[in-house]
Amino acid sequence: MALVELGRFARIEAQILVGRLESEGIPAIAFDGEASIADGSWLLIPTRVMVDEDDVEAARRIAEEAA
């Protein structure tokens, strides 16, 4: 299993997308969502949504539908 970046999103959008992907049977994880939350700069740091490289094409279609 090799993780690849699906995209970078606002923190809340990334969590919604992870939930949507998982509801479609595609395991996903959000990286960097808690980065710098203590100093308030978390709004400036995008959250990366990662999926398995075998699922990236299906995940892209789902992400495009959701946009």
C-alpha atoms as a PDB file:
ATOM      1  CA  MET A   1       0.000   0.000   0.000  1.00  0.00           C
ATOM      2  CA  ALA A   2       1.451   3.344  -1.067  1.00  0.00           C
ATOM      3  CA  LEU A   3      -0.309   6.538  -0.122  1.00  0.00           C
ATOM      4  CA  VAL A   4      -0.621   9.332  -2.667  1.00  0.00           C
ATOM      5  CA  GLU A   5      -1.954  12.837  -2.263  1.00  0.00           C
ATOM      6  CA  LEU A   6      -5.440  13.311  -3.650  1.00  0.00           C
ATOM      7  CA  GLY A   7      -5.386  17.029  -2.980  1.00  0.00           C
ATOM      8  CA  ARG A   8      -5.110  19.822  -0.434  1.00  0.00           C
ATOM      9  CA  PHE A   9      -8.218  21.256   1.136  1.00  0.00           C
ATOM     10  CA  ALA A  10      -9.436  23.443   3.954  1.00  0.00           C
ATOM     11  CA  ARG A  11      -9.466  21.437   7.174  1.00  0.00           C
ATOM     12  CA  ILE A  12     -13.243  20.922   7.373  1.00  0.00           C
ATOM     13  CA  GLU A  13     -13.569  20.169   3.647  1.00  0.00           C
ATOM     14  CA  ALA A  14     -10.847  17.538   3.960  1.00  0.00           C
ATOM     15  CA  GLN A  15     -12.683  15.784   6.790  1.00  0.00           C
ATOM     16  CA  ILE A  16     -15.934  15.801   4.808  1.00  0.00           C
ATOM     17  CA  LEU A  17     -14.150  14.377   1.766  1.00  0.00           C
ATOM     18  CA  VAL A  18     -12.508  11.639   3.848  1.00  0.00           C
ATOM     19  CA  GLY A  19     -15.954  10.660   5.136  1.00  0.00           C
ATOM     20  CA  ARG A  20     -17.397  10.638   1.628  1.00  0.00           C
ATOM     21  CA  LEU A  21     -14.546   8.514   0.277  1.00  0.00           C
ATOM     22  CA  GLU A  22     -14.842   6.039   3.117  1.00  0.00           C
ATOM     23  CA  SER A  23     -18.616   5.787   2.569  1.00  0.00           C
ATOM     24  CA  GLU A  24     -17.777   4.751  -1.006  1.00  0.00           C
ATOM     25  CA  GLY A  25     -15.364   2.062   0.248  1.00  0.00           C
ATOM     26  CA  ILE A  26     -12.149   4.022  -0.372  1.00  0.00           C
ATOM     27  CA  PRO A  27      -9.916   4.253   2.700  1.00  0.00           C
ATOM     28  CA  ALA A  28      -8.615   7.803   3.130  1.00  0.00           C
ATOM     29  CA  ILE A  29      -6.768   9.843   5.721  1.00  0.00           C
ATOM     30  CA  ALA A  30      -6.274  13.557   6.303  1.00  0.00           C
ATOM     31  CA  PHE A  31      -2.738  14.737   7.098  1.00  0.00           C
ATOM     32  CA  ASP A  32      -1.744  18.063   8.676  1.00  0.00           C
ATOM     33  CA  GLY A  33      -5.240  18.870   9.949  1.00  0.00           C
ATOM     34  CA  GLU A  34      -3.969  19.701  13.409  1.00  0.00           C
ATOM     35  CA  ALA A  35      -0.832  21.549  12.306  1.00  0.00           C
ATOM     36  CA  SER A  36      -0.222  24.744  14.245  1.00  0.00           C
ATOM     37  CA  ILE A  37      -3.665  24.771  15.833  1.00  0.00           C
ATOM     38  CA  ALA A  38      -2.230  26.260  19.032  1.00  0.00           C
ATOM     39  CA  ASP A  39      -1.033  29.482  17.427  1.00  0.00           C
ATOM     40  CA  GLY A  40      -4.062  29.994  15.191  1.00  0.00           C
ATOM     41  CA  SER A  41      -2.324  29.499  11.850  1.00  0.00           C
ATOM     42  CA  TRP A  42      -4.196  26.267  11.078  1.00  0.00           C
ATOM     43  CA  LEU A  43      -6.429  28.214   8.708  1.00  0.00           C
ATOM     44  CA  LEU A  44      -3.401  28.906   6.540  1.00  0.00           C
ATOM     45  CA  ILE A  45      -2.123  25.330   6.342  1.00  0.00           C
ATOM     46  CA  PRO A  46      -4.041  23.106   3.896  1.00  0.00           C
ATOM     47  CA  THR A  47      -4.930  19.578   4.894  1.00  0.00           C
ATOM     48  CA  ARG A  48      -3.721  16.823   2.574  1.00  0.00           C
ATOM     49  CA  VAL A  49      -6.143  14.023   1.770  1.00  0.00           C
ATOM     50  CA  MET A  50      -4.273  10.796   1.096  1.00  0.00           C
ATOM     51  CA  VAL A  51      -5.521   7.589  -0.534  1.00  0.00           C
ATOM     52  CA  ASP A  52      -3.961   4.358  -1.725  1.00  0.00           C
ATOM     53  CA  GLU A  53      -2.427   4.709  -5.170  1.00  0.00           C
ATOM     54  CA  ASP A  54      -4.762   1.976  -6.456  1.00  0.00           C
ATOM     55  CA  ASP A  55      -7.798   4.071  -5.444  1.00  0.00           C
ATOM     56  CA  VAL A  56      -6.650   7.488  -6.636  1.00  0.00           C
ATOM     57  CA  GLU A  57      -8.613   7.580  -9.914  1.00  0.00           C
ATOM     58  CA  ALA A  58     -11.902   6.595  -8.267  1.00  0.00           C
ATOM     59  CA  ALA A  59     -11.199   9.042  -5.434  1.00  0.00           C
ATOM     60  CA  ARG A  60     -10.593  11.866  -7.930  1.00  0.00           C
ATOM     61  CA  ARG A  61     -13.945  11.229  -9.594  1.00  0.00           C
ATOM     62  CA  ILE A  62     -15.698  11.350  -6.220  1.00  0.00           C
ATOM     63  CA  ALA A  63     -13.847  14.518  -5.212  1.00  0.00           C
ATOM     64  CA  GLU A  64     -14.766  16.209  -8.498  1.00  0.00           C
ATOM     65  CA  GLU A  65     -18.427  15.274  -8.060  1.00  0.00           C
ATOM     66  CA  ALA A  66     -18.412  16.741  -4.565  1.00  0.00           C
ATOM     67  CA  ALA A  67     -16.888  20.063  -5.676  1.00  0.00           C
END
